[in-house]
């Protein structure tokens, strides 16, 4: 199995895309794909910003761990 994307592979994919979608539809598909990727990136950036904004130092959760003498020991049988 040789290289996956040789020049004739790319040419074949372009020819198939033109045959399937037509020359007029390809720019519209490319534009839609670009807008979708842009929206996805903005959504990911927005969710990261929300996570950072929600994590305030005053709202940190503190976990209390019991001291060694406060731990209940199981009964010895």
C-alpha atoms as a PDB file:
ATOM      1  CA  UNK A   1       0.000   0.000   0.000  1.00  0.00           C
ATOM      2  CA  UNK A   2       1.741   3.149  -1.224  1.00  0.00           C
ATOM      3  CA  UNK A   3       1.165   6.767  -0.439  1.00  0.00           C
ATOM      4  CA  UNK A   4      -2.433   7.511   0.357  1.00  0.00           C
ATOM      5  CA  UNK A   5      -2.811  10.829  -1.464  1.00  0.00           C
ATOM      6  CA  UNK A   6      -0.972  10.711  -4.731  1.00  0.00           C
ATOM      7  CA  UNK A   7      -1.675  13.406  -7.341  1.00  0.00           C
ATOM      8  CA  UNK A   8      -3.937  11.145  -9.405  1.00  0.00           C
ATOM      9  CA  UNK A   9      -6.017  10.383  -6.272  1.00  0.00           C
ATOM     10  CA  UNK A  10      -6.693  14.083  -5.763  1.00  0.00           C
ATOM     11  CA  UNK A  11      -7.554  14.574  -9.453  1.00  0.00           C
ATOM     12  CA  UNK A  12      -9.974  11.640  -9.285  1.00  0.00           C
ATOM     13  CA  UNK A  13     -11.655  13.078  -6.163  1.00  0.00           C
ATOM     14  CA  UNK A  14     -12.071  16.492  -7.822  1.00  0.00           C
ATOM     15  CA  UNK A  15     -13.577  14.927 -10.952  1.00  0.00           C
ATOM     16  CA  UNK A  16     -16.008  12.856  -8.870  1.00  0.00           C
ATOM     17  CA  UNK A  17     -17.030  15.916  -6.833  1.00  0.00           C
ATOM     18  CA  UNK A  18     -17.730  17.917  -9.998  1.00  0.00           C
ATOM     19  CA  UNK A  19     -19.740  15.044 -11.482  1.00  0.00           C
ATOM     20  CA  UNK A  20     -21.773  14.496  -8.304  1.00  0.00           C
ATOM     21  CA  UNK A  21     -22.491  18.081  -7.296  1.00  0.00           C
ATOM     22  CA  UNK A  22     -21.969  20.096 -10.463  1.00  0.00           C
ATOM     23  CA  UNK A  23     -19.793  23.124 -10.991  1.00  0.00           C
ATOM     24  CA  UNK A  24     -22.362  25.613  -9.663  1.00  0.00           C
ATOM     25  CA  UNK A  25     -23.040  23.767  -6.422  1.00  0.00           C
ATOM     26  CA  UNK A  26     -19.412  23.270  -5.304  1.00  0.00           C
ATOM     27  CA  UNK A  27     -18.751  26.916  -4.283  1.00  0.00           C
ATOM     28  CA  UNK A  28     -21.970  26.923  -2.270  1.00  0.00           C
ATOM     29  CA  UNK A  29     -20.971  23.700  -0.527  1.00  0.00           C
ATOM     30  CA  UNK A  30     -17.523  25.106   0.242  1.00  0.00           C
ATOM     31  CA  UNK A  31     -19.020  28.298   1.639  1.00  0.00           C
ATOM     32  CA  UNK A  32     -21.429  26.340   3.817  1.00  0.00           C
ATOM     33  CA  UNK A  33     -18.653  24.115   5.082  1.00  0.00           C
ATOM     34  CA  UNK A  34     -16.501  27.145   5.919  1.00  0.00           C
ATOM     35  CA  UNK A  35     -19.329  28.852   7.785  1.00  0.00           C
ATOM     36  CA  UNK A  36     -20.046  25.661   9.695  1.00  0.00           C
ATOM     37  CA  UNK A  37     -16.417  25.285  10.760  1.00  0.00           C
ATOM     38  CA  UNK A  38     -16.258  28.963  11.761  1.00  0.00           C
ATOM     39  CA  UNK A  39     -19.393  28.576  13.875  1.00  0.00           C
ATOM     40  CA  UNK A  40     -18.004  25.451  15.497  1.00  0.00           C
ATOM     41  CA  UNK A  41     -14.756  27.230  16.410  1.00  0.00           C
ATOM     42  CA  UNK A  42     -16.662  30.203  17.833  1.00  0.00           C
ATOM     43  CA  UNK A  43     -18.868  27.852  19.830  1.00  0.00           C
ATOM     44  CA  UNK A  44     -15.869  26.042  21.265  1.00  0.00           C
ATOM     45  CA  UNK A  45     -14.212  29.348  22.121  1.00  0.00           C
ATOM     46  CA  UNK A  46     -17.427  30.561  23.749  1.00  0.00           C
ATOM     47  CA  UNK A  47     -17.761  27.431  25.863  1.00  0.00           C
ATOM     48  CA  UNK A  48     -14.142  27.767  27.036  1.00  0.00           C
ATOM     49  CA  UNK A  49     -14.780  31.412  27.954  1.00  0.00           C
ATOM     50  CA  UNK A  50     -17.898  30.425  29.901  1.00  0.00           C
ATOM     51  CA  UNK A  51     -15.988  27.768  31.815  1.00  0.00           C
ATOM     52  CA  UNK A  52     -13.260  30.274  32.714  1.00  0.00           C
ATOM     53  CA  UNK A  53     -15.831  32.881  33.751  1.00  0.00           C
ATOM     54  CA  UNK A  54     -17.722  30.379  35.916  1.00  0.00           C
ATOM     55  CA  UNK A  55     -14.616  29.227  37.789  1.00  0.00           C
ATOM     56  CA  UNK A  56     -14.131  32.082  40.241  1.00  0.00           C
ATOM     57  CA  UNK A  57     -11.634  31.644  43.078  1.00  0.00           C
ATOM     58  CA  UNK A  58     -14.327  32.429  45.675  1.00  0.00           C
ATOM     59  CA  UNK A  59     -16.495  29.574  44.405  1.00  0.00           C
ATOM     60  CA  UNK A  60     -13.977  26.777  44.777  1.00  0.00           C
ATOM     61  CA  UNK A  61     -15.211  23.622  46.420  1.00  0.00           C
ATOM     62  CA  UNK A  62     -13.416  22.510  49.530  1.00  0.00           C
ATOM     63  CA  UNK A  63     -13.353  18.880  50.501  1.00  0.00           C
ATOM     64  CA  UNK A  64     -12.984  18.021  54.165  1.00  0.00           C
ATOM     65  CA  UNK A  65     -10.971  14.911  54.874  1.00  0.00           C
ATOM     66  CA  UNK A  66     -11.336  13.319  58.301  1.00  0.00           C
ATOM     67  CA  UNK A  67      -8.342  13.048  60.599  1.00  0.00           C
ATOM     68  CA  UNK A  68      -6.826   9.630  61.182  1.00  0.00           C
ATOM     69  CA  UNK A  69      -8.383   9.249  64.656  1.00  0.00           C
ATOM     70  CA  UNK A  70     -11.845  10.235  63.349  1.00  0.00           C
ATOM     71  CA  UNK A  71     -11.951   7.452  60.764  1.00  0.00           C
ATOM     72  CA  UNK A  72     -14.244   4.631  61.840  1.00  0.00           C
ATOM     73  CA  UNK A  73     -12.566   1.286  61.879  1.00  0.00           C
ATOM     74  CA  UNK A  74     -14.459  -1.855  60.817  1.00  0.00           C
ATOM     75  CA  UNK A  75     -15.276  -4.276  63.642  1.00  0.00           C
ATOM     76  CA  UNK A  76     -12.804  -7.087  64.141  1.00  0.00           C
ATOM     77  CA  UNK A  77     -14.426 -10.504  63.796  1.00  0.00           C
END
